[in-house]
């Protein structure tokens, strides 16, 4: 998410997100390595709830993908109850909706 910091106002205006808040509250859940995937905090999910995911995903460049594990980012979005549409992509090659929120309390998962 730090890579988005180069254009925070533009991303925030276009995608309806407080980018500084998103970075502060969610970056630890989307950094490499890809495993383990850790359920995000309530604070992170609160910010994720306000994100226009298709807009933000459209801003993901190969450079961003060097710093953010998109597989984890998709997991966080799902966990927080904001999965992307089936068949859509976030970044260059990560399908966004292969499975249910496996760890989400909404689907019987445990924290």
PDB file of N, CA and C in Angstrom:
ATOM      1  N   UNK A   1       0.810  -1.185   0.000  1.00  0.00           N
ATOM      2  CA  UNK A   1       0.000   0.000   0.000  1.00  0.00           C
ATOM      3  C   UNK A   1       0.854   1.250   0.000  1.00  0.00           C
ATOM      4  N   UNK A   2       2.076   1.111   0.403  1.00  0.00           N
ATOM      5  CA  UNK A   2       2.954   2.268   0.422  1.00  0.00           C
ATOM      6  C   UNK A   2       3.171   2.821  -0.978  1.00  0.00           C
ATOM      7  N   UNK A   3       3.092   1.977  -1.972  1.00  0.00           N
ATOM      8  CA  UNK A   3       3.294   2.433  -3.338  1.00  0.00           C
ATOM      9  C   UNK A   3       2.191   3.389  -3.754  1.00  0.00           C
ATOM     10  N   UNK A   4       0.981   3.206  -3.239  1.00  0.00           N
ATOM     11  CA  UNK A   4      -0.108   4.126  -3.544  1.00  0.00           C
ATOM     12  C   UNK A   4       0.175   5.508  -2.971  1.00  0.00           C
ATOM     13  N   UNK A   5       1.074   5.589  -2.010  1.00  0.00           N
ATOM     14  CA  UNK A   5       1.354   6.856  -1.337  1.00  0.00           C
ATOM     15  C   UNK A   5       1.917   7.915  -2.282  1.00  0.00           C
ATOM     16  N   UNK A   6       2.430   7.497  -3.415  1.00  0.00           N
ATOM     17  CA  UNK A   6       2.952   8.473  -4.371  1.00  0.00           C
ATOM     18  C   UNK A   6       1.842   9.353  -4.934  1.00  0.00           C
ATOM     19  N   UNK A   7       0.622   8.832  -4.995  1.00  0.00           N
ATOM     20  CA  UNK A   7      -0.513   9.587  -5.517  1.00  0.00           C
ATOM     21  C   UNK A   7      -1.711   9.455  -4.578  1.00  0.00           C
ATOM     22  N   UNK A   8      -1.554   9.670  -3.286  1.00  0.00           N
ATOM     23  CA  UNK A   8      -2.644   9.400  -2.352  1.00  0.00           C
ATOM     24  C   UNK A   8      -3.901  10.209  -2.609  1.00  0.00           C
ATOM     25  N   UNK A   9      -3.766  11.475  -2.945  1.00  0.00           N
ATOM     26  CA  UNK A   9      -4.955  12.303  -3.161  1.00  0.00           C
ATOM     27  C   UNK A   9      -5.735  11.814  -4.367  1.00  0.00           C
ATOM     28  N   UNK A  10      -5.028  11.471  -5.428  1.00  0.00           N
ATOM     29  CA  UNK A  10      -5.705  10.990  -6.637  1.00  0.00           C
ATOM     30  C   UNK A  10      -6.428   9.680  -6.375  1.00  0.00           C
ATOM     31  N   UNK A  11      -5.763   8.749  -5.715  1.00  0.00           N
ATOM     32  CA  UNK A  11      -6.389   7.463  -5.415  1.00  0.00           C
ATOM     33  C   UNK A  11      -7.562   7.668  -4.473  1.00  0.00           C
ATOM     34  N   UNK A  12      -7.389   8.492  -3.460  1.00  0.00           N
ATOM     35  CA  UNK A  12      -8.461   8.741  -2.496  1.00  0.00           C
ATOM     36  C   UNK A  12      -9.668   9.372  -3.168  1.00  0.00           C
ATOM     37  N   UNK A  13      -9.441  10.386  -4.000  1.00  0.00           N
ATOM     38  CA  UNK A  13     -10.548  11.051  -4.682  1.00  0.00           C
ATOM     39  C   UNK A  13     -11.281  10.103  -5.618  1.00  0.00           C
ATOM     40  N   UNK A  14     -10.533   9.329  -6.371  1.00  0.00           N
ATOM     41  CA  UNK A  14     -11.138   8.458  -7.369  1.00  0.00           C
ATOM     42  C   UNK A  14     -11.802   7.235  -6.758  1.00  0.00           C
ATOM     43  N   UNK A  15     -11.271   6.720  -5.676  1.00  0.00           N
ATOM     44  CA  UNK A  15     -11.737   5.438  -5.142  1.00  0.00           C
ATOM     45  C   UNK A  15     -12.475   5.554  -3.810  1.00  0.00           C
ATOM     46  N   UNK A  16     -12.671   6.757  -3.316  1.00  0.00           N
ATOM     47  CA  UNK A  16     -13.440   6.955  -2.099  1.00  0.00           C
ATOM     48  C   UNK A  16     -12.854   6.294  -0.871  1.00  0.00           C
ATOM     49  N   UNK A  17     -11.544   6.362  -0.719  1.00  0.00           N
ATOM     50  CA  UNK A  17     -10.892   5.715   0.416  1.00  0.00           C
ATOM     51  C   UNK A  17      -9.934   6.690   1.088  1.00  0.00           C
ATOM     52  N   UNK A  18      -9.865   6.609   2.408  1.00  0.00           N
ATOM     53  CA  UNK A  18      -8.851   7.345   3.155  1.00  0.00           C
ATOM     54  C   UNK A  18      -7.603   6.480   3.093  1.00  0.00           C
ATOM     55  N   UNK A  19      -6.754   6.753   2.134  1.00  0.00           N
ATOM     56  CA  UNK A  19      -5.603   5.904   1.864  1.00  0.00           C
ATOM     57  C   UNK A  19      -4.664   5.797   3.057  1.00  0.00           C
ATOM     58  N   UNK A  20      -4.433   6.886   3.761  1.00  0.00           N
ATOM     59  CA  UNK A  20      -3.558   6.842   4.939  1.00  0.00           C
ATOM     60  C   UNK A  20      -4.133   5.892   5.985  1.00  0.00           C
ATOM     61  N   UNK A  21      -5.449   5.933   6.170  1.00  0.00           N
ATOM     62  CA  UNK A  21      -6.115   5.055   7.125  1.00  0.00           C
ATOM     63  C   UNK A  21      -6.022   3.598   6.671  1.00  0.00           C
ATOM     64  N   UNK A  22      -6.239   3.363   5.384  1.00  0.00           N
ATOM     65  CA  UNK A  22      -6.146   2.010   4.835  1.00  0.00           C
ATOM     66  C   UNK A  22      -4.747   1.442   5.040  1.00  0.00           C
ATOM     67  N   UNK A  23      -3.744   2.240   4.748  1.00  0.00           N
ATOM     68  CA  UNK A  23      -2.360   1.799   4.924  1.00  0.00           C
ATOM     69  C   UNK A  23      -2.069   1.533   6.396  1.00  0.00           C
ATOM     70  N   UNK A  24      -2.427   2.470   7.250  1.00  0.00           N
ATOM     71  CA  UNK A  24      -2.128   2.336   8.677  1.00  0.00           C
ATOM     72  C   UNK A  24      -2.790   1.111   9.294  1.00  0.00           C
ATOM     73  N   UNK A  25      -4.010   0.836   8.897  1.00  0.00           N
ATOM     74  CA  UNK A  25      -4.773  -0.220   9.567  1.00  0.00           C
ATOM     75  C   UNK A  25      -4.696  -1.582   8.891  1.00  0.00           C
ATOM     76  N   UNK A  26      -4.268  -1.629   7.637  1.00  0.00           N
ATOM     77  CA  UNK A  26      -4.316  -2.906   6.912  1.00  0.00           C
ATOM     78  C   UNK A  26      -2.984  -3.410   6.370  1.00  0.00           C
ATOM     79  N   UNK A  27      -1.946  -2.584   6.327  1.00  0.00           N
ATOM     80  CA  UNK A  27      -0.730  -3.015   5.640  1.00  0.00           C
ATOM     81  C   UNK A  27      -0.124  -4.287   6.216  1.00  0.00           C
ATOM     82  N   UNK A  28      -0.216  -4.500   7.509  1.00  0.00           N
ATOM     83  CA  UNK A  28       0.397  -5.697   8.087  1.00  0.00           C
ATOM     84  C   UNK A  28      -0.300  -6.983   7.650  1.00  0.00           C
ATOM     85  N   UNK A  29      -1.515  -6.883   7.141  1.00  0.00           N
ATOM     86  CA  UNK A  29      -2.271  -8.060   6.711  1.00  0.00           C
ATOM     87  C   UNK A  29      -2.074  -8.391   5.238  1.00  0.00           C
ATOM     88  N   UNK A  30      -1.444  -7.505   4.480  1.00  0.00           N
ATOM     89  CA  UNK A  30      -1.303  -7.726   3.038  1.00  0.00           C
ATOM     90  C   UNK A  30       0.149  -7.760   2.562  1.00  0.00           C
ATOM     91  N   UNK A  31       1.086  -7.746   3.487  1.00  0.00           N
ATOM     92  CA  UNK A  31       2.498  -7.805   3.102  1.00  0.00           C
ATOM     93  C   UNK A  31       2.920  -9.246   2.836  1.00  0.00           C
ATOM     94  N   UNK A  32       3.971  -9.395   2.046  1.00  0.00           N
ATOM     95  CA  UNK A  32       4.569 -10.706   1.818  1.00  0.00           C
ATOM     96  C   UNK A  32       5.205 -11.193   3.100  1.00  0.00           C
ATOM     97  N   UNK A  33       5.341 -12.513   3.272  1.00  0.00           N
ATOM     98  CA  UNK A  33       5.048 -13.600   2.349  1.00  0.00           C
ATOM     99  C   UNK A  33       3.548 -13.898   2.273  1.00  0.00           C
ATOM    100  N   UNK A  34       3.168 -14.722   1.295  1.00  0.00           N
ATOM    101  CA  UNK A  34       1.756 -15.031   1.060  1.00  0.00           C
ATOM    102  C   UNK A  34       1.133 -15.820   2.206  1.00  0.00           C
ATOM    103  N   UNK A  35       1.925 -16.535   2.924  1.00  0.00           N
ATOM    104  CA  UNK A  35       1.426 -17.307   4.069  1.00  0.00           C
ATOM    105  C   UNK A  35       2.187 -16.884   5.308  1.00  0.00           C
ATOM    106  N   UNK A  36       1.568 -16.875   6.441  1.00  0.00           N
ATOM    107  CA  UNK A  36       0.159 -17.216   6.674  1.00  0.00           C
ATOM    108  C   UNK A  36      -0.747 -16.027   6.370  1.00  0.00           C
ATOM    109  N   UNK A  37      -1.985 -16.350   6.088  1.00  0.00           N
ATOM    110  CA  UNK A  37      -3.009 -15.316   5.945  1.00  0.00           C
ATOM    111  C   UNK A  37      -3.636 -15.141   7.320  1.00  0.00           C
ATOM    112  N   UNK A  38      -3.556 -13.935   7.829  1.00  0.00           N
ATOM    113  CA  UNK A  38      -4.042 -13.629   9.174  1.00  0.00           C
ATOM    114  C   UNK A  38      -5.331 -12.825   9.064  1.00  0.00           C
ATOM    115  N   UNK A  39      -6.372 -13.242   9.774  1.00  0.00           N
ATOM    116  CA  UNK A  39      -7.604 -12.448   9.748  1.00  0.00           C
ATOM    117  C   UNK A  39      -7.315 -11.010  10.170  1.00  0.00           C
ATOM    118  N   UNK A  40      -7.809 -10.050   9.402  1.00  0.00           N
ATOM    119  CA  UNK A  40      -7.549  -8.644   9.715  1.00  0.00           C
ATOM    120  C   UNK A  40      -8.321  -8.180  10.940  1.00  0.00           C
ATOM    121  N   UNK A  41      -7.859  -7.095  11.503  1.00  0.00           N
ATOM    122  CA  UNK A  41      -8.509  -6.502  12.673  1.00  0.00           C
ATOM    123  C   UNK A  41      -9.846  -5.877  12.285  1.00  0.00           C
ATOM    124  N   UNK A  42     -10.653  -5.614  13.292  1.00  0.00           N
ATOM    125  CA  UNK A  42     -11.923  -4.912  13.074  1.00  0.00           C
ATOM    126  C   UNK A  42     -11.661  -3.528  12.491  1.00  0.00           C
ATOM    127  N   UNK A  43     -10.566  -2.894  12.910  1.00  0.00           N
ATOM    128  CA  UNK A  43     -10.228  -1.566  12.403  1.00  0.00           C
ATOM    129  C   UNK A  43      -9.914  -1.622  10.910  1.00  0.00           C
ATOM    130  N   UNK A  44      -9.153  -2.630  10.506  1.00  0.00           N
ATOM    131  CA  UNK A  44      -8.847  -2.797   9.083  1.00  0.00           C
ATOM    132  C   UNK A  44     -10.140  -3.036   8.309  1.00  0.00           C
ATOM    133  N   UNK A  45     -10.968  -3.938   8.800  1.00  0.00           N
ATOM    134  CA  UNK A  45     -12.229  -4.223   8.106  1.00  0.00           C
ATOM    135  C   UNK A  45     -13.108  -2.980   8.014  1.00  0.00           C
ATOM    136  N   UNK A  46     -13.072  -2.145   9.030  1.00  0.00           N
ATOM    137  CA  UNK A  46     -13.858  -0.916   8.987  1.00  0.00           C
ATOM    138  C   UNK A  46     -13.460  -0.029   7.826  1.00  0.00           C
ATOM    139  N   UNK A  47     -12.166   0.057   7.559  1.00  0.00           N
ATOM    140  CA  UNK A  47     -11.690   0.861   6.432  1.00  0.00           C
ATOM    141  C   UNK A  47     -12.027   0.157   5.116  1.00  0.00           C
ATOM    142  N   UNK A  48     -11.841  -1.143   5.073  1.00  0.00           N
ATOM    143  CA  UNK A  48     -12.118  -1.910   3.858  1.00  0.00           C
ATOM    144  C   UNK A  48     -13.578  -1.745   3.437  1.00  0.00           C
ATOM    145  N   UNK A  49     -14.468  -1.607   4.403  1.00  0.00           N
ATOM    146  CA  UNK A  49     -15.891  -1.448   4.097  1.00  0.00           C
ATOM    147  C   UNK A  49     -16.170  -0.219   3.232  1.00  0.00           C
ATOM    148  N   UNK A  50     -15.315   0.789   3.305  1.00  0.00           N
ATOM    149  CA  UNK A  50     -15.552   2.025   2.549  1.00  0.00           C
ATOM    150  C   UNK A  50     -14.856   2.057   1.186  1.00  0.00           C
ATOM    151  N   UNK A  51     -14.090   1.038   0.874  1.00  0.00           N
ATOM    152  CA  UNK A  51     -13.288   1.033  -0.348  1.00  0.00           C
ATOM    153  C   UNK A  51     -14.131   0.652  -1.567  1.00  0.00           C
ATOM    154  N   UNK A  52     -13.929   1.366  -2.646  1.00  0.00           N
ATOM    155  CA  UNK A  52     -14.476   0.993  -3.948  1.00  0.00           C
ATOM    156  C   UNK A  52     -13.457   0.022  -4.543  1.00  0.00           C
ATOM    157  N   UNK A  53     -13.669  -1.282  -4.290  1.00  0.00           N
ATOM    158  CA  UNK A  53     -12.669  -2.277  -4.661  1.00  0.00           C
ATOM    159  C   UNK A  53     -12.314  -2.278  -6.144  1.00  0.00           C
ATOM    160  N   UNK A  54     -13.292  -2.264  -7.057  1.00  0.00           N
ATOM    161  CA  UNK A  54     -12.894  -2.262  -8.471  1.00  0.00           C
ATOM    162  C   UNK A  54     -12.014  -1.063  -8.829  1.00  0.00           C
ATOM    163  N   UNK A  55     -12.308   0.083  -8.251  1.00  0.00           N
ATOM    164  CA  UNK A  55     -11.504   1.280  -8.510  1.00  0.00           C
ATOM    165  C   UNK A  55     -10.088   1.091  -7.980  1.00  0.00           C
ATOM    166  N   UNK A  56      -9.976   0.655  -6.727  1.00  0.00           N
ATOM    167  CA  UNK A  56      -8.656   0.478  -6.131  1.00  0.00           C
ATOM    168  C   UNK A  56      -7.871  -0.605  -6.868  1.00  0.00           C
ATOM    169  N   UNK A  57      -8.542  -1.697  -7.226  1.00  0.00           N
ATOM    170  CA  UNK A  57      -7.855  -2.764  -7.961  1.00  0.00           C
ATOM    171  C   UNK A  57      -7.338  -2.281  -9.308  1.00  0.00           C
ATOM    172  N   UNK A  58      -8.050  -1.374  -9.930  1.00  0.00           N
ATOM    173  CA  UNK A  58      -7.598  -0.832 -11.213  1.00  0.00           C
ATOM    174  C   UNK A  58      -6.313  -0.023 -11.059  1.00  0.00           C
ATOM    175  N   UNK A  59      -6.017   0.431  -9.849  1.00  0.00           N
ATOM    176  CA  UNK A  59      -4.802   1.212  -9.589  1.00  0.00           C
ATOM    177  C   UNK A  59      -3.594   0.330  -9.283  1.00  0.00           C
ATOM    178  N   UNK A  60      -3.818  -0.975  -9.153  1.00  0.00           N
ATOM    179  CA  UNK A  60      -2.733  -1.889  -8.809  1.00  0.00           C
ATOM    180  C   UNK A  60      -1.879  -2.142 -10.046  1.00  0.00           C
ATOM    181  N   UNK A  61      -0.627  -1.744  -9.950  1.00  0.00           N
ATOM    182  CA  UNK A  61       0.335  -1.926 -11.035  1.00  0.00           C
ATOM    183  C   UNK A  61       1.304  -3.046 -10.663  1.00  0.00           C
ATOM    184  N   UNK A  62       2.106  -3.515 -11.606  1.00  0.00           N
ATOM    185  CA  UNK A  62       3.128  -4.503 -11.261  1.00  0.00           C
ATOM    186  C   UNK A  62       4.061  -4.014 -10.146  1.00  0.00           C
ATOM    187  N   UNK A  63       4.330  -2.719 -10.094  1.00  0.00           N
ATOM    188  CA  UNK A  63       5.161  -2.178  -9.017  1.00  0.00           C
ATOM    189  C   UNK A  63       4.472  -2.350  -7.661  1.00  0.00           C
ATOM    190  N   UNK A  64       3.190  -2.072  -7.604  1.00  0.00           N
ATOM    191  CA  UNK A  64       2.430  -2.260  -6.362  1.00  0.00           C
ATOM    192  C   UNK A  64       2.498  -3.721  -5.936  1.00  0.00           C
ATOM    193  N   UNK A  65       2.384  -4.621  -6.912  1.00  0.00           N
ATOM    194  CA  UNK A  65       2.395  -6.052  -6.611  1.00  0.00           C
ATOM    195  C   UNK A  65       3.741  -6.543  -6.084  1.00  0.00           C
ATOM    196  N   UNK A  66       4.783  -5.761  -6.226  1.00  0.00           N
ATOM    197  CA  UNK A  66       6.065  -6.126  -5.631  1.00  0.00           C
ATOM    198  C   UNK A  66       6.053  -5.904  -4.125  1.00  0.00           C
ATOM    199  N   UNK A  67       5.162  -5.055  -3.645  1.00  0.00           N
ATOM    200  CA  UNK A  67       5.120  -4.687  -2.231  1.00  0.00           C
ATOM    201  C   UNK A  67       3.912  -5.234  -1.493  1.00  0.00           C
ATOM    202  N   UNK A  68       2.847  -5.507  -2.229  1.00  0.00           N
ATOM    203  CA  UNK A  68       1.615  -5.998  -1.619  1.00  0.00           C
ATOM    204  C   UNK A  68       1.322  -7.379  -2.169  1.00  0.00           C
ATOM    205  N   UNK A  69       1.065  -8.316  -1.282  1.00  0.00           N
ATOM    206  CA  UNK A  69       0.668  -9.654  -1.698  1.00  0.00           C
ATOM    207  C   UNK A  69      -0.814  -9.592  -2.067  1.00  0.00           C
ATOM    208  N   UNK A  70      -1.095  -9.611  -3.349  1.00  0.00           N
ATOM    209  CA  UNK A  70      -2.473  -9.452  -3.798  1.00  0.00           C
ATOM    210  C   UNK A  70      -3.353 -10.604  -3.340  1.00  0.00           C
ATOM    211  N   UNK A  71      -2.781 -11.777  -3.203  1.00  0.00           N
ATOM    212  CA  UNK A  71      -3.542 -12.911  -2.678  1.00  0.00           C
ATOM    213  C   UNK A  71      -4.048 -12.590  -1.269  1.00  0.00           C
ATOM    214  N   UNK A  72      -3.181 -11.985  -0.459  1.00  0.00           N
ATOM    215  CA  UNK A  72      -3.599 -11.577   0.885  1.00  0.00           C
ATOM    216  C   UNK A  72      -4.602 -10.430   0.833  1.00  0.00           C
ATOM    217  N   UNK A  73      -4.420  -9.496  -0.081  1.00  0.00           N
ATOM    218  CA  UNK A  73      -5.353  -8.373  -0.201  1.00  0.00           C
ATOM    219  C   UNK A  73      -6.754  -8.869  -0.538  1.00  0.00           C
ATOM    220  N   UNK A  74      -6.834  -9.851  -1.432  1.00  0.00           N
ATOM    221  CA  UNK A  74      -8.127 -10.432  -1.784  1.00  0.00           C
ATOM    222  C   UNK A  74      -8.711 -11.167  -0.584  1.00  0.00           C
ATOM    223  N   UNK A  75      -7.869 -11.884   0.160  1.00  0.00           N
ATOM    224  CA  UNK A  75      -8.315 -12.569   1.371  1.00  0.00           C
ATOM    225  C   UNK A  75      -8.901 -11.566   2.364  1.00  0.00           C
ATOM    226  N   UNK A  76      -8.210 -10.453   2.575  1.00  0.00           N
ATOM    227  CA  UNK A  76      -8.685  -9.427   3.509  1.00  0.00           C
ATOM    228  C   UNK A  76     -10.035  -8.880   3.057  1.00  0.00           C
ATOM    229  N   UNK A  77     -10.163  -8.585   1.783  1.00  0.00           N
ATOM    230  CA  UNK A  77     -11.440  -8.072   1.271  1.00  0.00           C
ATOM    231  C   UNK A  77     -12.561  -9.076   1.517  1.00  0.00           C
ATOM    232  N   UNK A  78     -12.305 -10.344   1.231  1.00  0.00           N
ATOM    233  CA  UNK A  78     -13.315 -11.386   1.466  1.00  0.00           C
ATOM    234  C   UNK A  78     -13.657 -11.484   2.942  1.00  0.00           C
ATOM    235  N   UNK A  79     -12.629 -11.560   3.770  1.00  0.00           N
ATOM    236  CA  UNK A  79     -12.838 -11.714   5.207  1.00  0.00           C
ATOM    237  C   UNK A  79     -13.692 -10.574   5.757  1.00  0.00           C
ATOM    238  N   UNK A  80     -13.457  -9.392   5.256  1.00  0.00           N
ATOM    239  CA  UNK A  80     -14.167  -8.208   5.742  1.00  0.00           C
ATOM    240  C   UNK A  80     -15.555  -8.052   5.119  1.00  0.00           C
ATOM    241  N   UNK A  81     -15.984  -9.036   4.361  1.00  0.00           N
ATOM    242  CA  UNK A  81     -17.321  -9.002   3.793  1.00  0.00           C
ATOM    243  C   UNK A  81     -17.455  -8.169   2.539  1.00  0.00           C
ATOM    244  N   UNK A  82     -16.330  -7.902   1.872  1.00  0.00           N
ATOM    245  CA  UNK A  82     -16.343  -7.093   0.649  1.00  0.00           C
ATOM    246  C   UNK A  82     -15.647  -7.829  -0.495  1.00  0.00           C
ATOM    247  N   UNK A  83     -16.073  -9.060  -0.804  1.00  0.00           N
ATOM    248  CA  UNK A  83     -15.416  -9.762  -1.907  1.00  0.00           C
ATOM    249  C   UNK A  83     -15.691  -9.060  -3.225  1.00  0.00           C
ATOM    250  N   UNK A  84     -14.743  -9.181  -4.127  1.00  0.00           N
ATOM    251  CA  UNK A  84     -14.966  -8.624  -5.461  1.00  0.00           C
ATOM    252  C   UNK A  84     -15.867  -9.565  -6.250  1.00  0.00           C
ATOM    253  N   UNK A  85     -16.380  -9.075  -7.334  1.00  0.00           N
ATOM    254  CA  UNK A  85     -17.290  -9.864  -8.159  1.00  0.00           C
ATOM    255  C   UNK A  85     -16.587 -11.107  -8.690  1.00  0.00           C
ATOM    256  N   UNK A  86     -17.303 -12.234  -8.739  1.00  0.00           N
ATOM    257  CA  UNK A  86     -16.711 -13.445  -9.321  1.00  0.00           C
ATOM    258  C   UNK A  86     -16.193 -13.163 -10.727  1.00  0.00           C
ATOM    259  N   UNK A  87     -14.997 -13.668 -10.995  1.00  0.00           N
ATOM    260  CA  UNK A  87     -14.398 -13.492 -12.311  1.00  0.00           C
ATOM    261  C   UNK A  87     -13.623 -12.206 -12.490  1.00  0.00           C
ATOM    262  N   UNK A  88     -13.704 -11.302 -11.517  1.00  0.00           N
ATOM    263  CA  UNK A  88     -12.942 -10.062 -11.634  1.00  0.00           C
ATOM    264  C   UNK A  88     -11.517 -10.297 -11.145  1.00  0.00           C
ATOM    265  N   UNK A  89     -10.661  -9.343 -11.407  1.00  0.00           N
ATOM    266  CA  UNK A  89      -9.256  -9.460 -11.023  1.00  0.00           C
ATOM    267  C   UNK A  89      -8.825  -8.221 -10.266  1.00  0.00           C
ATOM    268  N   UNK A  90      -7.891  -8.443  -9.352  1.00  0.00           N
ATOM    269  CA  UNK A  90      -7.294  -7.343  -8.614  1.00  0.00           C
ATOM    270  C   UNK A  90      -5.793  -7.484  -8.804  1.00  0.00           C
ATOM    271  N   UNK A  91      -5.199  -6.585  -9.546  1.00  0.00           N
ATOM    272  CA  UNK A  91      -3.809  -6.756  -9.918  1.00  0.00           C
ATOM    273  C   UNK A  91      -3.733  -7.521 -11.224  1.00  0.00           C
ATOM    274  N   UNK A  92      -2.575  -8.056 -11.515  1.00  0.00           N
ATOM    275  CA  UNK A  92      -2.368  -8.652 -12.829  1.00  0.00           C
ATOM    276  C   UNK A  92      -2.937 -10.044 -12.999  1.00  0.00           C
ATOM    277  N   UNK A  93      -2.988 -10.839 -11.919  1.00  0.00           N
ATOM    278  CA  UNK A  93      -3.394 -12.222 -12.157  1.00  0.00           C
ATOM    279  C   UNK A  93      -4.046 -12.916 -10.975  1.00  0.00           C
ATOM    280  N   UNK A  94      -4.615 -12.197 -10.049  1.00  0.00           N
ATOM    281  CA  UNK A  94      -5.210 -12.833  -8.884  1.00  0.00           C
ATOM    282  C   UNK A  94      -6.727 -12.839  -9.021  1.00  0.00           C
ATOM    283  N   UNK A  95      -7.342 -14.007  -9.270  1.00  0.00           N
ATOM    284  CA  UNK A  95      -8.799 -14.056  -9.286  1.00  0.00           C
ATOM    285  C   UNK A  95      -9.315 -13.663  -7.912  1.00  0.00           C
ATOM    286  N   UNK A  96     -10.415 -12.955  -7.874  1.00  0.00           N
ATOM    287  CA  UNK A  96     -10.854 -12.359  -6.620  1.00  0.00           C
ATOM    288  C   UNK A  96     -11.875 -13.151  -5.840  1.00  0.00           C
ATOM    289  N   UNK A  97     -12.494 -14.149  -6.403  1.00  0.00           N
ATOM    290  CA  UNK A  97     -13.583 -14.777  -5.667  1.00  0.00           C
ATOM    291  C   UNK A  97     -13.656 -16.271  -5.942  1.00  0.00           C
ATOM    292  N   UNK A  98     -12.623 -16.997  -5.592  1.00  0.00           N
ATOM    293  CA  UNK A  98     -12.621 -18.438  -5.801  1.00  0.00           C
ATOM    294  C   UNK A  98     -13.365 -19.181  -4.699  1.00  0.00           C
ATOM    295  N   UNK A  99     -13.402 -18.632  -3.507  1.00  0.00           N
ATOM    296  CA  UNK A  99     -13.950 -19.363  -2.374  1.00  0.00           C
ATOM    297  C   UNK A  99     -14.700 -18.426  -1.457  1.00  0.00           C
ATOM    298  N   UNK A 100     -15.461 -19.024  -0.552  1.00  0.00           N
ATOM    299  CA  UNK A 100     -16.180 -18.234   0.454  1.00  0.00           C
ATOM    300  C   UNK A 100     -15.175 -17.656   1.448  1.00  0.00           C
ATOM    301  N   UNK A 101     -15.659 -16.878   2.351  1.00  0.00           N
ATOM    302  CA  UNK A 101     -14.839 -16.284   3.407  1.00  0.00           C
ATOM    303  C   UNK A 101     -14.523 -17.396   4.409  1.00  0.00           C
ATOM    304  N   UNK A 102     -13.536 -18.206   4.148  1.00  0.00           N
ATOM    305  CA  UNK A 102     -13.302 -19.390   4.954  1.00  0.00           C
ATOM    306  C   UNK A 102     -13.119 -19.100   6.433  1.00  0.00           C
ATOM    307  N   UNK A 103     -12.570 -17.973   6.765  1.00  0.00           N
ATOM    308  CA  UNK A 103     -12.308 -17.673   8.158  1.00  0.00           C
ATOM    309  C   UNK A 103     -13.259 -16.635   8.728  1.00  0.00           C
ATOM    310  N   UNK A 104     -14.191 -16.200   7.942  1.00  0.00           N
ATOM    311  CA  UNK A 104     -15.095 -15.152   8.394  1.00  0.00           C
ATOM    312  C   UNK A 104     -16.125 -15.704   9.364  1.00  0.00           C
ATOM    313  N   UNK A 105     -16.362 -14.999  10.476  1.00  0.00           N
ATOM    314  CA  UNK A 105     -17.391 -15.427  11.415  1.00  0.00           C
ATOM    315  C   UNK A 105     -18.750 -15.576  10.736  1.00  0.00           C
ATOM    316  N   UNK A 106     -18.996 -14.809   9.682  1.00  0.00           N
ATOM    317  CA  UNK A 106     -20.270 -14.910   8.971  1.00  0.00           C
ATOM    318  C   UNK A 106     -20.474 -16.303   8.389  1.00  0.00           C
ATOM    319  N   UNK A 107     -19.396 -17.000   8.103  1.00  0.00           N
ATOM    320  CA  UNK A 107     -19.475 -18.308   7.471  1.00  0.00           C
ATOM    321  C   UNK A 107     -18.997 -19.415   8.403  1.00  0.00           C
ATOM    322  N   UNK A 108     -19.075 -19.184   9.692  1.00  0.00           N
ATOM    323  CA  UNK A 108     -18.740 -20.214  10.658  1.00  0.00           C
ATOM    324  C   UNK A 108     -17.270 -20.340  10.971  1.00  0.00           C
ATOM    325  N   UNK A 109     -16.443 -19.468  10.433  1.00  0.00           N
ATOM    326  CA  UNK A 109     -15.014 -19.518  10.716  1.00  0.00           C
ATOM    327  C   UNK A 109     -14.709 -18.958  12.093  1.00  0.00           C
ATOM    328  N   UNK A 110     -13.491 -19.169  12.529  1.00  0.00           N
ATOM    329  CA  UNK A 110     -13.074 -18.675  13.840  1.00  0.00           C
ATOM    330  C   UNK A 110     -11.888 -17.758  13.674  1.00  0.00           C
ATOM    331  N   UNK A 111     -11.775 -16.799  14.561  1.00  0.00           N
ATOM    332  CA  UNK A 111     -10.614 -15.893  14.556  1.00  0.00           C
ATOM    333  C   UNK A 111      -9.428 -16.599  15.130  1.00  0.00           C
TER     334      UNK A 111
END
